[in-house]
N, C-alpha and C. Protein backbone atom coordinates (compact mmCIF):
# COMPACT_ATOMS: atom_id res chain seq x y z
N MET A 1 0.85 -1.18 0.00
CA MET A 1 0.00 0.00 0.00
C MET A 1 0.89 1.24 0.00
N THR A 2 0.59 2.18 -0.89
CA THR A 2 1.39 3.40 -0.98
C THR A 2 0.99 4.40 0.09
N MET A 3 1.83 5.42 0.27
CA MET A 3 1.50 6.46 1.23
C MET A 3 0.20 7.16 0.81
N GLY A 4 0.02 7.41 -0.46
CA GLY A 4 -1.20 8.04 -0.94
C GLY A 4 -2.44 7.21 -0.61
N ASP A 5 -2.31 5.88 -0.78
CA ASP A 5 -3.42 4.99 -0.44
C ASP A 5 -3.76 5.08 1.04
N ARG A 6 -2.73 5.13 1.86
CA ARG A 6 -2.96 5.21 3.31
C ARG A 6 -3.60 6.54 3.70
N LEU A 7 -3.12 7.63 3.10
CA LEU A 7 -3.72 8.93 3.41
C LEU A 7 -5.19 8.95 3.01
N ARG A 8 -5.49 8.42 1.84
CA ARG A 8 -6.88 8.38 1.39
C ARG A 8 -7.73 7.52 2.33
N GLU A 9 -7.22 6.35 2.70
CA GLU A 9 -7.94 5.46 3.60
C GLU A 9 -8.23 6.14 4.95
N LEU A 10 -7.22 6.80 5.50
CA LEU A 10 -7.38 7.48 6.79
C LEU A 10 -8.38 8.63 6.68
N ARG A 11 -8.29 9.38 5.61
CA ARG A 11 -9.20 10.52 5.41
C ARG A 11 -10.65 10.05 5.30
N LEU A 12 -10.86 9.01 4.52
CA LEU A 12 -12.22 8.50 4.34
C LEU A 12 -12.77 7.89 5.63
N LYS A 13 -11.90 7.25 6.41
CA LYS A 13 -12.33 6.67 7.67
C LYS A 13 -12.87 7.76 8.61
N MET A 14 -12.29 8.94 8.53
CA MET A 14 -12.72 10.05 9.38
C MET A 14 -13.80 10.91 8.72
N ASN A 15 -14.27 10.49 7.55
CA ASN A 15 -15.30 11.24 6.81
C ASN A 15 -14.90 12.68 6.56
N LEU A 16 -13.66 12.88 6.16
CA LEU A 16 -13.18 14.22 5.85
C LEU A 16 -12.98 14.36 4.35
N SER A 17 -13.21 15.56 3.85
CA SER A 17 -12.91 15.85 2.45
C SER A 17 -11.44 16.22 2.34
N GLN A 18 -10.93 16.20 1.12
CA GLN A 18 -9.56 16.66 0.92
C GLN A 18 -9.42 18.11 1.36
N GLU A 19 -10.43 18.91 1.09
CA GLU A 19 -10.41 20.32 1.48
C GLU A 19 -10.30 20.47 3.00
N GLU A 20 -11.05 19.66 3.75
CA GLU A 20 -11.01 19.74 5.21
C GLU A 20 -9.64 19.34 5.74
N VAL A 21 -9.07 18.29 5.21
CA VAL A 21 -7.74 17.85 5.65
C VAL A 21 -6.73 18.95 5.35
N ALA A 22 -6.77 19.47 4.13
CA ALA A 22 -5.82 20.51 3.73
C ALA A 22 -5.92 21.73 4.63
N ARG A 23 -7.14 22.16 4.92
CA ARG A 23 -7.33 23.34 5.77
C ARG A 23 -6.78 23.08 7.17
N GLN A 24 -7.04 21.89 7.71
CA GLN A 24 -6.60 21.59 9.07
C GLN A 24 -5.08 21.50 9.21
N ILE A 25 -4.39 21.14 8.12
CA ILE A 25 -2.93 21.06 8.23
C ILE A 25 -2.22 22.25 7.58
N GLY A 26 -3.00 23.17 7.03
CA GLY A 26 -2.43 24.42 6.53
C GLY A 26 -1.81 24.36 5.15
N ILE A 27 -2.40 23.56 4.25
CA ILE A 27 -1.92 23.50 2.87
C ILE A 27 -3.13 23.65 1.94
N THR A 28 -2.88 23.69 0.65
CA THR A 28 -3.98 23.78 -0.31
C THR A 28 -4.56 22.39 -0.57
N ARG A 29 -5.81 22.37 -1.04
CA ARG A 29 -6.43 21.10 -1.39
C ARG A 29 -5.68 20.43 -2.54
N SER A 30 -5.21 21.25 -3.46
CA SER A 30 -4.46 20.73 -4.60
C SER A 30 -3.19 20.01 -4.14
N ALA A 31 -2.47 20.63 -3.22
CA ALA A 31 -1.24 20.00 -2.71
C ALA A 31 -1.57 18.67 -2.04
N TYR A 32 -2.63 18.67 -1.21
CA TYR A 32 -3.00 17.43 -0.53
C TYR A 32 -3.40 16.35 -1.54
N SER A 33 -4.15 16.72 -2.56
CA SER A 33 -4.60 15.73 -3.54
C SER A 33 -3.41 15.07 -4.24
N HIS A 34 -2.34 15.83 -4.44
CA HIS A 34 -1.13 15.26 -5.04
C HIS A 34 -0.50 14.20 -4.14
N TYR A 35 -0.63 14.36 -2.83
CA TYR A 35 -0.12 13.34 -1.91
C TYR A 35 -0.90 12.05 -2.06
N GLU A 36 -2.22 12.16 -2.17
CA GLU A 36 -3.06 10.96 -2.27
C GLU A 36 -2.85 10.21 -3.58
N ILE A 37 -2.51 10.91 -4.65
CA ILE A 37 -2.29 10.22 -5.91
C ILE A 37 -0.80 9.96 -6.17
N ASN A 38 0.01 10.18 -5.16
CA ASN A 38 1.45 9.87 -5.19
C ASN A 38 2.23 10.65 -6.24
N ASN A 39 1.77 11.89 -6.53
CA ASN A 39 2.52 12.76 -7.43
C ASN A 39 3.57 13.57 -6.69
N ARG A 40 3.35 13.77 -5.40
CA ARG A 40 4.29 14.53 -4.56
C ARG A 40 4.41 13.86 -3.21
N GLN A 41 5.50 14.17 -2.53
CA GLN A 41 5.72 13.68 -1.18
C GLN A 41 5.68 14.87 -0.21
N PRO A 42 4.93 14.74 0.88
CA PRO A 42 4.88 15.86 1.84
C PRO A 42 6.21 16.04 2.57
N VAL A 43 6.49 17.26 2.97
CA VAL A 43 7.68 17.54 3.77
C VAL A 43 7.44 17.02 5.18
N TYR A 44 8.50 16.93 5.96
CA TYR A 44 8.44 16.35 7.30
C TYR A 44 7.39 17.02 8.18
N GLU A 45 7.35 18.35 8.19
CA GLU A 45 6.39 19.07 9.04
C GLU A 45 4.95 18.72 8.66
N THR A 46 4.69 18.60 7.38
CA THR A 46 3.35 18.23 6.92
C THR A 46 3.03 16.79 7.32
N LEU A 47 4.01 15.90 7.22
CA LEU A 47 3.81 14.52 7.66
C LEU A 47 3.44 14.46 9.14
N LYS A 48 4.11 15.26 9.96
CA LYS A 48 3.80 15.29 11.39
C LYS A 48 2.37 15.75 11.62
N LYS A 49 1.94 16.77 10.89
CA LYS A 49 0.57 17.27 11.04
C LYS A 49 -0.44 16.22 10.61
N LEU A 50 -0.15 15.51 9.53
CA LEU A 50 -1.06 14.46 9.06
C LEU A 50 -1.16 13.33 10.08
N ALA A 51 -0.02 12.92 10.63
CA ALA A 51 -0.03 11.85 11.63
C ALA A 51 -0.85 12.26 12.85
N ALA A 52 -0.68 13.51 13.28
CA ALA A 52 -1.44 13.99 14.45
C ALA A 52 -2.93 14.06 14.12
N LEU A 53 -3.27 14.57 12.96
CA LEU A 53 -4.67 14.68 12.57
C LEU A 53 -5.34 13.31 12.52
N PHE A 54 -4.66 12.34 11.92
CA PHE A 54 -5.24 11.02 11.74
C PHE A 54 -5.02 10.09 12.94
N GLY A 55 -4.21 10.52 13.90
CA GLY A 55 -3.99 9.71 15.09
C GLY A 55 -3.20 8.45 14.83
N VAL A 56 -2.23 8.53 13.92
CA VAL A 56 -1.38 7.37 13.61
C VAL A 56 0.09 7.79 13.66
N SER A 57 0.97 6.80 13.59
CA SER A 57 2.40 7.10 13.61
C SER A 57 2.87 7.57 12.23
N LEU A 58 3.98 8.31 12.22
CA LEU A 58 4.61 8.68 10.95
C LEU A 58 4.98 7.43 10.17
N ASP A 59 5.47 6.45 10.88
CA ASP A 59 5.88 5.20 10.26
C ASP A 59 4.73 4.56 9.50
N TYR A 60 3.55 4.59 10.08
CA TYR A 60 2.38 4.01 9.40
C TYR A 60 2.08 4.76 8.11
N ILE A 61 2.12 6.08 8.15
CA ILE A 61 1.80 6.88 6.96
C ILE A 61 2.78 6.60 5.83
N ILE A 62 4.06 6.54 6.14
CA ILE A 62 5.05 6.36 5.06
C ILE A 62 5.20 4.91 4.63
N GLY A 63 4.54 3.99 5.32
CA GLY A 63 4.52 2.61 4.86
C GLY A 63 5.53 1.69 5.50
N GLY A 64 6.25 2.17 6.51
CA GLY A 64 7.27 1.34 7.13
C GLY A 64 6.73 0.26 8.04
N ASP A 65 5.59 0.51 8.67
CA ASP A 65 4.99 -0.43 9.60
C ASP A 65 3.63 -0.83 9.06
N GLN A 66 3.46 -2.09 8.79
CA GLN A 66 2.21 -2.55 8.21
C GLN A 66 1.06 -2.56 9.22
N THR A 67 1.39 -2.54 10.52
CA THR A 67 0.33 -2.48 11.52
C THR A 67 0.11 -1.03 11.90
N ARG A 68 -1.11 -0.71 12.15
CA ARG A 68 -1.46 0.67 12.43
C ARG A 68 -1.41 0.93 13.92
N THR A 69 -0.59 1.90 14.33
CA THR A 69 -0.57 2.36 15.71
C THR A 69 -1.49 3.56 15.75
N GLU A 70 -2.62 3.38 16.40
CA GLU A 70 -3.65 4.40 16.32
C GLU A 70 -3.97 4.99 17.68
N THR A 71 -4.17 6.26 17.69
CA THR A 71 -4.66 6.95 18.87
C THR A 71 -6.12 7.25 18.59
N HIS A 72 -7.00 6.88 19.51
CA HIS A 72 -8.42 7.13 19.28
C HIS A 72 -8.70 8.63 19.31
N VAL A 73 -9.32 9.10 18.26
CA VAL A 73 -9.74 10.49 18.19
C VAL A 73 -11.26 10.46 18.04
N SER A 74 -11.95 10.99 19.03
CA SER A 74 -13.41 10.95 19.03
C SER A 74 -13.97 11.92 17.99
N PRO A 75 -15.19 11.65 17.54
CA PRO A 75 -15.85 12.59 16.62
C PRO A 75 -15.96 14.00 17.22
N GLU A 76 -16.16 14.06 18.55
CA GLU A 76 -16.25 15.37 19.21
C GLU A 76 -14.93 16.13 19.11
N ALA A 77 -13.82 15.41 19.26
CA ALA A 77 -12.50 16.05 19.17
C ALA A 77 -12.26 16.56 17.76
N ILE A 78 -12.65 15.78 16.77
CA ILE A 78 -12.49 16.21 15.38
C ILE A 78 -13.31 17.47 15.13
N GLU A 79 -14.54 17.49 15.64
CA GLU A 79 -15.39 18.67 15.47
C GLU A 79 -14.80 19.89 16.17
N MET A 80 -14.22 19.67 17.36
CA MET A 80 -13.57 20.78 18.08
C MET A 80 -12.41 21.35 17.25
N ILE A 81 -11.63 20.47 16.65
CA ILE A 81 -10.52 20.93 15.81
C ILE A 81 -11.04 21.72 14.63
N ARG A 82 -12.09 21.23 14.00
CA ARG A 82 -12.68 21.97 12.87
C ARG A 82 -13.14 23.36 13.30
N LEU A 83 -13.83 23.42 14.44
CA LEU A 83 -14.32 24.71 14.92
C LEU A 83 -13.17 25.65 15.25
N LEU A 84 -12.17 25.13 15.95
CA LEU A 84 -11.03 25.97 16.31
C LEU A 84 -10.29 26.47 15.06
N ASN A 85 -10.14 25.61 14.08
CA ASN A 85 -9.44 26.00 12.86
C ASN A 85 -10.21 27.03 12.05
N SER A 86 -11.52 27.10 12.25
CA SER A 86 -12.32 28.07 11.50
C SER A 86 -12.30 29.46 12.15
N MET A 87 -11.77 29.56 13.38
CA MET A 87 -11.75 30.83 14.11
C MET A 87 -10.51 31.64 13.78
N ASP A 88 -10.62 32.95 13.98
CA ASP A 88 -9.42 33.76 13.86
C ASP A 88 -8.53 33.49 15.09
N GLN A 89 -7.31 33.92 15.03
CA GLN A 89 -6.32 33.58 16.06
C GLN A 89 -6.75 34.02 17.47
N ASP A 90 -7.32 35.21 17.60
CA ASP A 90 -7.72 35.70 18.92
C ASP A 90 -8.86 34.86 19.51
N LYS A 91 -9.87 34.58 18.71
CA LYS A 91 -11.00 33.77 19.21
C LYS A 91 -10.54 32.36 19.54
N ARG A 92 -9.64 31.82 18.72
CA ARG A 92 -9.12 30.47 18.99
C ARG A 92 -8.39 30.44 20.32
N LYS A 93 -7.56 31.46 20.60
CA LYS A 93 -6.83 31.50 21.87
C LYS A 93 -7.79 31.64 23.04
N GLN A 94 -8.80 32.50 22.91
CA GLN A 94 -9.79 32.67 23.98
C GLN A 94 -10.53 31.36 24.25
N SER A 95 -10.91 30.67 23.20
CA SER A 95 -11.63 29.40 23.35
C SER A 95 -10.76 28.35 24.03
N ILE A 96 -9.52 28.26 23.62
CA ILE A 96 -8.60 27.28 24.23
C ILE A 96 -8.37 27.62 25.69
N ASP A 97 -8.20 28.90 26.00
CA ASP A 97 -8.02 29.32 27.40
C ASP A 97 -9.23 28.93 28.25
N LYS A 98 -10.44 29.11 27.71
CA LYS A 98 -11.65 28.74 28.44
C LYS A 98 -11.73 27.22 28.65
N MET A 99 -11.40 26.47 27.61
CA MET A 99 -11.42 25.01 27.75
C MET A 99 -10.40 24.54 28.79
N MET A 100 -9.24 25.14 28.79
CA MET A 100 -8.20 24.77 29.77
C MET A 100 -8.65 25.08 31.19
N ALA A 101 -9.34 26.21 31.35
CA ALA A 101 -9.86 26.57 32.69
C ALA A 101 -10.88 25.56 33.17
N VAL A 102 -11.76 25.12 32.27
CA VAL A 102 -12.76 24.10 32.64
C VAL A 102 -12.08 22.80 32.99
N ILE A 103 -11.08 22.40 32.24
CA ILE A 103 -10.35 21.16 32.52
C ILE A 103 -9.66 21.25 33.87
N LYS A 104 -8.98 22.35 34.14
CA LYS A 104 -8.30 22.50 35.43
C LYS A 104 -9.28 22.49 36.58
N GLN A 105 -10.44 23.12 36.39
CA GLN A 105 -11.45 23.15 37.43
C GLN A 105 -11.99 21.74 37.70
N SER A 106 -12.17 20.96 36.65
CA SER A 106 -12.71 19.60 36.84
C SER A 106 -11.69 18.68 37.52
N GLU A 107 -10.41 18.99 37.38
CA GLU A 107 -9.36 18.18 38.03
C GLU A 107 -9.34 18.39 39.53
N THR A 108 -9.82 19.53 39.99
CA THR A 108 -9.80 19.83 41.43
C THR A 108 -11.04 19.31 42.15
N ILE A 109 -12.00 18.86 41.38
CA ILE A 109 -13.27 18.38 41.98
C ILE A 109 -13.13 16.93 42.40
């Protein structure tokens, strides 16, 4: 299985469009589509972002490990990422600060 095949498989498993993946990792849809059809190879930083987004190891994406090391990412977490990515920088920081405050408060209870 090629890296492009794996990226496509992971994207479809999460019900994301190429546009959504590209936006979440900060590239164009066109650039991402080239990765899926194996016309281009992503740079290291982009690979790290893809692995984090899909909850898998870099090794799995590039094809070195045939078994998938997966971190469970809930649908709610994916939606939170989408919402945060759609905000401007100030609103995103305010939202993250509020979430962190709620988490810290729940740890003390």
